Structures are given as structure tokens and as C-alpha cells.
Amino acid sequence: MRQVIQNLEESRIREVANAGIGRSDVLAFWFGESDEVTPDFIRQAAIESLQRGETFYSHNLGLPELREAISDYMSARHGPIGVERVAVTSGGVNALMLAIQLLVDAGDEVVAVTPVWPNLTAQPAIMGARVKCVSLAPLDGAWTLDMNALLEAVTASTKVLIINAPNNPTGWTLERDAQQRILDHCRRTGTWILADEVYERLYFEPTSNGCAPSFLDLARPDDRLVVVHSFSKSFFMTGWRLGWLVMPPAMTQHMGKLIEFNTSCASVFTQRAGVAALLRTDEVTPRVVAHLKACRDTLIPLLQTIPGVQVAPARGGMYAFFRLAGFDDSLTTAKRLVLEAGLGLAPGEAFAPEAQGWLRWCFASRDPQRLVQGVERLKRWLVAAGPG
């Protein structure tokens, strides 16, 4: 067995969730998904596909109908993006891993902006890359980027820069001028940008296209840019495992080869569900965003009333990321909250060492009253527990 695999740390989020398995009394906010099921018309599209007997392989790059739908969907928000730049994947996680496999050799330097979902730093490590992290820094509960530090870290020796914005877990987002500086700098250094933009629609600031700022708004088709998307968050489709990549046209054929040797293709009935979701996105995603904003605006003020809590409203995503004064071991704290308070949160250390002492609360709850109940449990526990 490869040593790098043996050295991989198990998910700290799963570790906390495992402590609460089988307990119906736990309010679970640890995973990054809503508790609302996929809309019926999306499920129905998959059912009809199965009833037609569509249980066979499809093209490595995805059904032509789905690639066209993705091209139309993305072009409406970011300007022309041809189907020749699109590959369908078996989930956003698969899309990220495929991109890393395509770009990274053993020994390459990869820079990642952290805290971030741990897959984004684990995947290049699996390929044998040297991962260098540039940390966001908290200011009054809001995490910010030191642009000069990032640009100094990305040199001609940097093969790939990984950025997730809107960010999981912090809710940090990139402004347009910051994206332009990063893109210009990476053009000079010859560095690829791998942009995880799966939360782009879950953005709470007013915009003309209903999205967070995207590198696709600025880049040329042949720029060294790969953008990852997923159906999971904006369409309540986490369990469907369906995503896509946007890349330079010259890469797409090679991506098809790589998909063949990983998964061959996404399942056809899942892709039919994806087509239905994209064609009727205006019936789903605006409602998702409005509901998430209401959930955020329910949870954050309640957390801010608790003495010792440091938190700021996220501009995008589905998470409140907060610090509890006096509780510096986030994994121990998260486990205690499960066992002693029936409250399931994700430990900050799962996302980066610098997030030790922080906790992530997914506020994508169908019933905002669950968030209120969760805060009450947290308050009672703090009174009883004292600093850990």
C-alpha cells in the first residue's frame, strides 16, 4: 500500500457523525446538505428514464443533451461556454479528483487557500504533490484573504492553485478585482487555477446573474482554468452524485479518457435528472437561495447573542462558521456536543489546523425552527459544561 494513503487522515466530520449514529434525538447539522428531498420533477425524470430501460453506458463525457443543457445554463450566467468545454462527472468530488489527476504529477507544488473542505488538499496529496496552504484570517468572525501573501506563494514553480469560493466552511467569497489579480498573476507564472465554484448560486448579495463572482466571467477559453460544479447544493441532489467540469477545449478529449479509466460515465438515469433540473432551474434554485438566506438570518443573530461566540454572516454557501471562546479543541468540543447536548456540528480542525477552535454549522434546514432548537441546546450545554 502506498505510504501517502496510509498517512491520509480520516474525515473528522465523519468521526463526529459516527458518534451520533443511531441517536434519533440528535439535531444533525454536520454534513453539507439540506434535509429537503430532491424536487419531485427531478426524481420523476430519473424514474421515467429507468422505466424506459436506460440502464446502459453513456458517452464518457456525458449525454449530449446534458452537456448542451450545461452549456446553455453556464452561458446564460457567464457568457459563451461551448459544449466542447464541458464534461459530466459522477459528482463534484469526482470532478475535483479528475481535474487533479489531469493536472498534477508526483512532486508538483500545489497551493490551496484554506480553511477548506479537506478533499481539496487531500486529493493532490494522494497524487504525490507537495501541498502548500495559504490561510484566510478571521476578523470579527469574518475570514479574509491576504492577497499579497497568496500572490507571493504562487510562483513559477506552482503547478496548480486551488480556490473554493464561496468557501466551505467560512463563507468567504472573492471579489471580481481579486479574481482578476489572481488570474493575471497565474497567467504570468503559468499556474493552473482549479476553481471549486459549486456554491456559486448560493450567494446572498445582489448580482446581475444570480451568481457569486466567477473566474469564468474573466477568463479566456484557453486560459489555464478548470472550474468544478455540482448538482448537489443548488438542486437538493447530494445523493445523486452528478457534477461537471468546464475546461479549455484542448483538455476535453483527454478528460474523456480519464473518465473512462475512473468511472466510465455517469449513470444515464441520473443524467436525465440533471437535464430536468437545469431546464427548470428557475423553479428550484431561487427558492433554495431565499430559504438559505432566511435560515442564515435566523441562526447568526441567535449565535451572536451567546457570550464568547465569534461569528459573522456568510456571504455565500450554507454554513455558519463560529468560534467558541474557551473551547480550543474543536474535535473534542464537537463530540461532547453530540453526546451531551444532542447537537451535531462539524469540527473546524477538519478544514485546516488554523481553524482549530471553530465549529461549522450547516444551516440548510427545511424547518428553521430546528436551528432555534439547536441554539437553545448549545446555550444549555455551555451553561452546564463550562470551558473544555
Protein backbone atom coordinates (compact mmCIF):
# COMPACT_ATOMS: atom_id res chain seq x y z
CA MET A 1 0.00 0.00 0.00
CA ARG A 2 1.23 3.50 -0.82
CA GLN A 3 2.51 5.37 2.21
CA VAL A 4 0.61 8.51 1.25
CA ILE A 5 -2.66 6.59 1.51
CA GLN A 6 -1.73 5.21 4.90
CA ASN A 7 -0.94 8.76 6.01
CA LEU A 8 -4.33 10.15 4.97
CA GLU A 9 -6.38 11.32 7.92
CA GLU A 10 -9.92 10.05 8.19
CA SER A 11 -12.69 12.64 7.96
CA ARG A 12 -13.09 14.47 11.25
CA ILE A 13 -16.65 15.29 10.21
CA ARG A 14 -17.46 11.60 9.81
CA GLU A 15 -15.77 10.91 13.13
CA VAL A 16 -18.18 13.26 14.88
CA ALA A 17 -21.19 11.96 12.91
CA ASN A 18 -20.29 8.38 13.83
CA ALA A 19 -20.58 9.36 17.48
CA GLY A 20 -24.23 10.20 16.88
CA ILE A 21 -25.25 7.30 14.66
CA GLY A 22 -28.44 5.65 15.86
CA ARG A 23 -29.45 8.56 18.07
CA SER A 24 -32.79 9.95 16.93
CA ASP A 25 -32.54 12.78 19.46
CA VAL A 26 -29.54 14.43 17.79
CA LEU A 27 -30.12 17.59 15.76
CA ALA A 28 -27.63 16.95 12.95
CA PHE A 29 -26.04 19.90 11.17
CA TRP A 30 -22.65 18.32 10.47
CA PHE A 31 -22.88 17.44 6.76
CA GLY A 32 -23.06 19.96 3.94
CA GLU A 33 -26.51 19.12 2.67
CA SER A 34 -30.10 20.18 3.11
CA ASP A 35 -32.61 17.92 4.82
CA GLU A 36 -35.07 18.58 1.96
CA VAL A 37 -35.54 15.84 -0.64
CA THR A 38 -34.89 16.38 -4.34
CA PRO A 39 -37.86 18.07 -6.09
CA ASP A 40 -40.39 15.64 -7.50
CA PHE A 41 -39.98 16.60 -11.17
CA ILE A 42 -36.26 15.81 -10.97
CA ARG A 43 -36.89 12.44 -9.35
CA GLN A 44 -39.61 11.74 -11.91
CA ALA A 45 -37.18 12.30 -14.79
CA ALA A 46 -34.94 9.58 -13.38
CA ILE A 47 -37.89 7.24 -12.80
CA GLU A 48 -39.06 7.67 -16.39
CA SER A 49 -35.55 7.00 -17.64
CA LEU A 50 -35.39 3.77 -15.67
CA GLN A 51 -38.82 2.75 -16.92
CA ARG A 52 -37.53 3.23 -20.48
CA GLY A 53 -34.73 0.82 -19.66
CA GLU A 54 -31.90 3.37 -19.79
CA THR A 55 -29.57 1.28 -17.69
CA PHE A 56 -26.60 1.13 -20.06
CA TYR A 57 -23.35 3.06 -20.51
CA SER A 58 -23.33 6.56 -21.97
CA HIS A 59 -20.59 8.64 -23.56
CA ASN A 60 -17.59 9.21 -21.28
CA LEU A 61 -18.18 12.97 -21.35
CA GLY A 62 -21.90 12.67 -20.68
CA LEU A 63 -25.16 12.62 -22.61
CA PRO A 64 -25.18 15.20 -25.44
CA GLU A 65 -28.48 16.54 -24.06
CA LEU A 66 -26.97 17.16 -20.64
CA ARG A 67 -23.79 18.72 -21.98
CA GLU A 68 -25.89 21.06 -24.11
CA ALA A 69 -28.06 21.93 -21.11
CA ILE A 70 -24.96 22.66 -19.02
CA SER A 71 -23.51 24.79 -21.82
CA ASP A 72 -26.73 26.81 -22.05
CA TYR A 73 -27.01 27.13 -18.26
CA MET A 74 -23.43 28.33 -17.84
CA SER A 75 -23.51 30.60 -20.90
CA ALA A 76 -26.58 32.39 -19.57
CA ARG A 77 -24.60 33.34 -16.46
CA HIS A 78 -21.01 33.70 -17.62
CA GLY A 79 -21.04 34.38 -21.34
CA PRO A 80 -20.48 31.83 -24.11
CA ILE A 81 -19.24 28.46 -22.85
CA GLY A 82 -19.34 25.90 -25.62
CA VAL A 83 -20.27 22.28 -25.12
CA GLU A 84 -16.74 21.34 -26.21
CA ARG A 85 -15.55 22.66 -22.82
CA VAL A 86 -17.96 20.58 -20.72
CA ALA A 87 -17.53 17.14 -19.15
CA VAL A 88 -20.14 15.43 -16.97
CA THR A 89 -18.82 13.68 -13.87
CA SER A 90 -20.09 11.35 -11.15
CA GLY A 91 -20.36 14.14 -8.59
CA GLY A 92 -18.38 17.23 -7.67
CA VAL A 93 -15.88 15.14 -5.68
CA ASN A 94 -15.20 13.06 -8.78
CA ALA A 95 -14.83 16.23 -10.85
CA LEU A 96 -12.21 17.59 -8.46
CA MET A 97 -10.26 14.34 -8.41
CA LEU A 98 -10.34 14.07 -12.20
CA ALA A 99 -9.00 17.61 -12.51
CA ILE A 100 -6.19 16.85 -10.08
CA GLN A 101 -5.34 13.61 -11.91
CA LEU A 102 -5.21 15.51 -15.19
CA LEU A 103 -3.01 18.34 -13.92
CA VAL A 104 -0.78 17.10 -11.12
CA ASP A 105 2.32 14.90 -11.19
CA ALA A 106 4.09 13.50 -8.15
CA GLY A 107 6.37 16.16 -6.71
CA ASP A 108 4.43 19.10 -8.17
CA GLU A 109 3.72 22.10 -5.95
CA VAL A 110 0.06 22.85 -5.32
CA VAL A 111 -1.13 25.92 -3.41
CA ALA A 112 -4.50 25.85 -1.67
CA VAL A 113 -6.43 28.59 0.11
CA THR A 114 -7.58 27.28 3.49
CA PRO A 115 -9.61 26.57 5.63
CA VAL A 116 -11.31 24.43 3.04
CA TRP A 117 -13.21 21.21 2.59
CA PRO A 118 -10.50 18.59 3.28
CA ASN A 119 -10.86 16.76 -0.05
CA LEU A 120 -9.31 19.74 -1.80
CA THR A 121 -6.00 19.33 -0.01
CA ALA A 122 -6.12 15.52 0.29
CA GLN A 123 -6.62 14.89 -3.43
CA PRO A 124 -3.34 16.48 -4.62
CA ALA A 125 -1.55 14.79 -1.72
CA ILE A 126 -2.88 11.45 -2.97
CA MET A 127 -1.24 12.21 -6.32
CA GLY A 128 2.08 12.83 -4.57
CA ALA A 129 2.01 16.62 -4.81
CA ARG A 130 3.54 18.99 -2.27
CA VAL A 131 0.60 20.99 -0.90
CA LYS A 132 1.32 24.49 0.40
CA CYS A 133 -1.52 26.27 2.20
CA VAL A 134 -2.26 29.98 2.32
CA SER A 135 -4.64 30.67 5.15
CA LEU A 136 -7.51 33.06 5.34
CA ALA A 137 -7.56 35.02 8.59
CA PRO A 138 -10.57 35.79 10.80
CA LEU A 139 -11.51 39.37 11.61
CA ASP A 140 -14.54 39.81 13.86
CA GLY A 141 -15.74 36.38 12.77
CA ALA A 142 -15.37 37.00 9.02
CA TRP A 143 -12.49 35.32 7.19
CA THR A 144 -10.44 37.39 4.75
CA LEU A 145 -7.63 36.77 2.28
CA ASP A 146 -4.22 38.43 2.37
CA MET A 147 -3.86 38.86 -1.38
CA ASN A 148 -0.17 39.73 -1.23
CA ALA A 149 0.55 36.55 0.75
CA LEU A 150 -1.28 34.47 -1.85
CA LEU A 151 0.49 36.04 -4.81
CA GLU A 152 3.86 35.59 -3.10
CA ALA A 153 3.07 31.91 -2.52
CA VAL A 154 2.16 31.27 -6.17
CA THR A 155 5.35 31.22 -8.23
CA ALA A 156 6.55 29.73 -11.50
CA SER A 157 7.09 26.52 -9.51
CA THR A 158 3.39 26.29 -8.63
CA LYS A 159 1.55 23.85 -10.88
CA VAL A 160 -1.98 24.41 -9.54
CA LEU A 161 -3.73 26.95 -7.34
CA ILE A 162 -6.89 25.60 -5.67
CA ILE A 163 -9.55 28.09 -4.63
CA ASN A 164 -13.02 27.35 -3.28
CA ALA A 165 -15.25 30.44 -3.27
CA PRO A 166 -17.87 30.83 -1.95
CA ASN A 167 -15.94 28.90 0.62
CA ASN A 168 -16.79 25.85 2.66
CA PRO A 169 -16.61 26.29 5.64
CA THR A 170 -16.04 30.03 6.13
CA GLY A 171 -18.49 31.60 3.65
CA TRP A 172 -15.64 33.76 2.30
CA THR A 173 -16.08 34.91 -1.30
CA LEU A 174 -13.81 36.53 -3.87
CA GLU A 175 -14.47 39.96 -5.32
CA ARG A 176 -14.14 40.49 -9.05
CA ASP A 177 -10.99 42.62 -8.82
CA ALA A 178 -9.32 39.99 -6.62
CA GLN A 179 -10.13 37.29 -9.17
CA GLN A 180 -8.62 39.43 -11.91
CA ARG A 181 -5.40 39.90 -9.92
CA ILE A 182 -5.16 36.17 -9.30
CA LEU A 183 -5.88 35.31 -12.94
CA ASP A 184 -3.31 37.83 -14.23
CA HIS A 185 -0.71 36.55 -11.78
CA CYS A 186 -1.30 32.89 -12.71
CA ARG A 187 -1.01 33.77 -16.38
CA ARG A 188 2.45 35.17 -15.66
CA THR A 189 3.55 32.16 -13.60
CA GLY A 190 1.95 29.55 -15.87
CA THR A 191 -0.08 28.21 -12.95
CA TRP A 192 -3.37 26.37 -13.41
CA ILE A 193 -6.34 27.60 -11.40
CA LEU A 194 -8.67 24.89 -10.12
CA ALA A 195 -11.78 26.79 -9.02
CA ASP A 196 -14.32 24.93 -6.91
CA GLU A 197 -17.42 27.04 -7.56
CA VAL A 198 -20.12 24.58 -6.51
CA TYR A 199 -21.65 27.24 -4.21
CA GLU A 200 -21.79 30.00 -6.82
CA ARG A 201 -25.61 30.09 -6.90
CA LEU A 202 -25.84 30.03 -3.10
CA TYR A 203 -24.88 33.68 -2.87
CA PHE A 204 -26.75 36.24 -0.82
CA GLU A 205 -25.52 39.51 -2.33
CA PRO A 206 -27.41 41.15 -5.24
CA THR A 207 -25.87 40.37 -8.64
CA SER A 208 -26.96 40.72 -12.25
CA ASN A 209 -26.61 37.00 -12.99
CA GLY A 210 -27.67 35.49 -9.66
CA CYS A 211 -24.20 34.10 -9.00
CA ALA A 212 -21.13 34.82 -6.95
CA PRO A 213 -18.19 36.22 -8.94
CA SER A 214 -16.67 33.50 -11.11
CA PHE A 215 -13.31 33.15 -12.82
CA LEU A 216 -15.32 32.22 -15.92
CA ASP A 217 -16.54 35.82 -16.13
CA LEU A 218 -12.96 36.96 -16.74
CA ALA A 219 -11.05 34.10 -18.34
CA ARG A 220 -10.48 33.26 -21.98
CA PRO A 221 -11.47 29.77 -23.16
CA ASP A 222 -7.80 28.76 -23.44
CA ASP A 223 -6.73 30.09 -20.04
CA ARG A 224 -5.29 27.58 -17.59
CA LEU A 225 -8.55 27.39 -15.68
CA VAL A 226 -10.67 24.39 -14.67
CA VAL A 227 -13.97 25.09 -12.90
CA VAL A 228 -15.86 22.47 -10.91
CA HIS A 229 -19.63 22.41 -10.45
CA SER A 230 -22.15 20.07 -8.88
CA PHE A 231 -25.88 19.45 -8.84
CA SER A 232 -25.71 18.71 -5.13
CA LYS A 233 -26.25 22.06 -3.45
CA SER A 234 -28.42 24.20 -5.73
CA PHE A 235 -30.85 21.41 -6.65
CA PHE A 236 -31.07 19.31 -3.44
CA MET A 237 -29.24 16.48 -5.24
CA THR A 238 -26.39 15.50 -2.91
CA GLY A 239 -27.08 11.75 -3.14
CA TRP A 240 -27.33 11.69 -6.93
CA ARG A 241 -23.57 12.12 -7.43
CA LEU A 242 -23.66 14.29 -10.52
CA GLY A 243 -21.36 17.16 -11.41
CA TRP A 244 -19.48 18.76 -14.26
CA LEU A 245 -16.26 20.42 -15.31
CA VAL A 246 -15.60 23.45 -17.50
CA MET A 247 -12.11 23.46 -19.03
CA PRO A 248 -10.12 24.63 -22.06
CA PRO A 249 -11.34 22.88 -25.23
CA ALA A 250 -7.98 21.20 -25.78
CA MET A 251 -8.36 19.32 -22.49
CA THR A 252 -11.78 17.81 -23.02
CA GLN A 253 -10.78 14.77 -25.09
CA HIS A 254 -8.13 13.88 -22.53
CA MET A 255 -10.65 14.29 -19.74
CA GLY A 256 -12.86 11.78 -21.54
CA LYS A 257 -10.02 9.26 -21.46
CA LEU A 258 -9.52 9.85 -17.77
CA ILE A 259 -13.22 9.42 -17.01
CA GLU A 260 -13.11 6.09 -18.87
CA PHE A 261 -10.42 4.83 -16.52
CA ASN A 262 -12.18 6.10 -13.39
CA THR A 263 -15.93 5.58 -13.69
CA SER A 264 -16.56 5.15 -17.46
CA CYS A 265 -19.53 7.54 -17.24
CA ALA A 266 -22.26 8.88 -15.02
CA SER A 267 -25.43 6.76 -14.97
CA VAL A 268 -27.92 7.70 -17.68
CA PHE A 269 -30.97 7.99 -15.41
CA THR A 270 -29.02 10.34 -13.13
CA GLN A 271 -28.08 12.47 -16.13
CA ARG A 272 -31.73 12.64 -17.20
CA ALA A 273 -32.49 14.04 -13.75
CA GLY A 274 -29.74 16.61 -14.31
CA VAL A 275 -31.28 17.73 -17.59
CA ALA A 276 -34.64 18.22 -15.88
CA ALA A 277 -33.01 20.21 -13.07
CA LEU A 278 -31.22 22.58 -15.43
CA LEU A 279 -34.20 23.14 -17.72
CA ARG A 280 -36.34 24.16 -14.73
CA THR A 281 -33.68 25.77 -12.57
CA ASP A 282 -35.77 28.90 -12.02
CA GLU A 283 -38.34 26.76 -10.22
CA VAL A 284 -35.78 25.47 -7.74
CA THR A 285 -32.62 27.48 -7.18
CA PRO A 286 -34.08 30.93 -6.38
CA ARG A 287 -36.27 29.27 -3.77
CA VAL A 288 -33.24 27.45 -2.36
CA VAL A 289 -31.26 30.68 -2.08
CA ALA A 290 -34.12 32.64 -0.49
CA HIS A 291 -34.69 29.88 2.04
CA LEU A 292 -30.99 29.57 2.89
CA LYS A 293 -30.75 33.32 3.40
CA ALA A 294 -33.70 33.14 5.79
CA CYS A 295 -32.00 30.28 7.63
CA ARG A 296 -28.75 32.22 7.84
CA ASP A 297 -30.58 35.28 9.13
CA THR A 298 -32.30 33.12 11.74
CA LEU A 299 -29.18 31.39 13.02
CA ILE A 300 -26.48 34.09 13.01
CA PRO A 301 -28.26 36.64 15.25
CA LEU A 302 -29.04 33.88 17.74
CA LEU A 303 -25.41 32.78 17.84
CA GLN A 304 -24.28 36.39 18.23
CA THR A 305 -26.29 36.67 21.46
CA ILE A 306 -24.20 33.93 23.11
CA PRO A 307 -21.28 35.30 25.16
CA GLY A 308 -17.93 34.19 23.79
CA VAL A 309 -19.18 33.35 20.29
CA GLN A 310 -17.31 34.90 17.36
CA VAL A 311 -19.29 34.71 14.11
CA ALA A 312 -20.19 36.78 11.05
CA PRO A 313 -22.89 36.24 8.39
CA ALA A 314 -21.63 34.24 5.43
CA ARG A 315 -21.99 35.98 2.07
CA GLY A 316 -22.36 32.65 0.31
CA GLY A 317 -22.69 28.92 0.95
CA MET A 318 -24.76 27.21 3.61
CA TYR A 319 -22.63 27.43 6.74
CA ALA A 320 -22.15 29.41 9.91
CA PHE A 321 -18.52 29.15 10.98
CA PHE A 322 -18.05 30.27 14.56
CA ARG A 323 -15.59 30.20 17.42
CA LEU A 324 -16.45 29.33 21.00
CA ALA A 325 -14.19 31.14 23.48
CA GLY A 326 -12.60 28.69 25.90
CA PHE A 327 -13.19 25.62 23.73
CA ASP A 328 -9.98 25.32 21.75
CA ASP A 329 -10.15 21.64 20.77
CA SER A 330 -12.86 21.62 18.12
CA LEU A 331 -12.99 17.83 17.68
CA THR A 332 -13.43 17.21 21.40
CA THR A 333 -15.99 20.00 21.59
CA ALA A 334 -17.98 18.64 18.64
CA LYS A 335 -18.02 15.15 20.14
CA ARG A 336 -19.14 16.49 23.51
CA LEU A 337 -21.93 18.44 21.85
CA VAL A 338 -23.21 15.25 20.22
CA LEU A 339 -23.03 13.13 23.34
CA GLU A 340 -24.02 15.71 25.94
CA ALA A 341 -26.30 18.12 24.05
CA GLY A 342 -27.66 16.15 21.11
CA LEU A 343 -26.24 18.76 18.73
CA GLY A 344 -24.25 17.69 15.66
CA LEU A 345 -21.72 20.18 14.29
CA ALA A 346 -18.52 19.78 12.25
CA PRO A 347 -15.17 20.50 13.94
CA GLY A 348 -13.12 23.33 12.48
CA GLU A 349 -9.91 21.32 12.54
CA ALA A 350 -11.41 19.12 9.79
CA PHE A 351 -10.85 22.04 7.40
CA ALA A 352 -7.39 23.29 8.44
CA PRO A 353 -5.16 23.49 11.53
CA GLU A 354 -5.77 27.24 11.71
CA ALA A 355 -9.50 26.54 12.17
CA GLN A 356 -8.88 24.74 15.45
CA GLY A 357 -11.41 26.01 17.99
CA TRP A 358 -14.01 26.80 15.32
CA LEU A 359 -17.19 24.88 14.52
CA ARG A 360 -19.20 24.62 11.28
CA TRP A 361 -22.98 24.65 11.41
CA CYS A 362 -24.82 23.77 8.19
CA PHE A 363 -27.95 25.93 8.26
CA ALA A 364 -29.62 24.28 5.24
CA SER A 365 -32.62 23.17 7.28
CA ARG A 366 -36.08 22.73 5.82
CA ASP A 367 -37.52 23.93 9.14
CA PRO A 368 -35.67 26.97 10.56
CA GLN A 369 -37.16 26.12 13.95
CA ARG A 370 -34.61 23.29 14.13
CA LEU A 371 -31.92 25.98 14.11
CA VAL A 372 -33.59 27.74 17.01
CA GLN A 373 -33.77 24.47 18.92
CA GLY A 374 -30.11 23.83 18.17
CA VAL A 375 -29.05 27.19 19.60
CA GLU A 376 -31.07 26.51 22.75
CA ARG A 377 -29.25 23.19 23.16
CA LEU A 378 -25.92 24.94 22.67
CA LYS A 379 -26.77 27.56 25.29
CA ARG A 380 -27.85 24.98 27.85
CA TRP A 381 -24.74 22.93 27.23
CA LEU A 382 -22.44 25.93 27.66
CA VAL A 383 -24.02 26.72 30.99
CA ALA A 384 -23.60 23.14 32.19
CA ALA A 385 -20.22 22.37 30.64
CA GLY A 386 -18.09 25.43 31.18
CA PRO A 387 -14.86 25.82 29.15
CA GLY A 388 -13.42 22.50 27.93
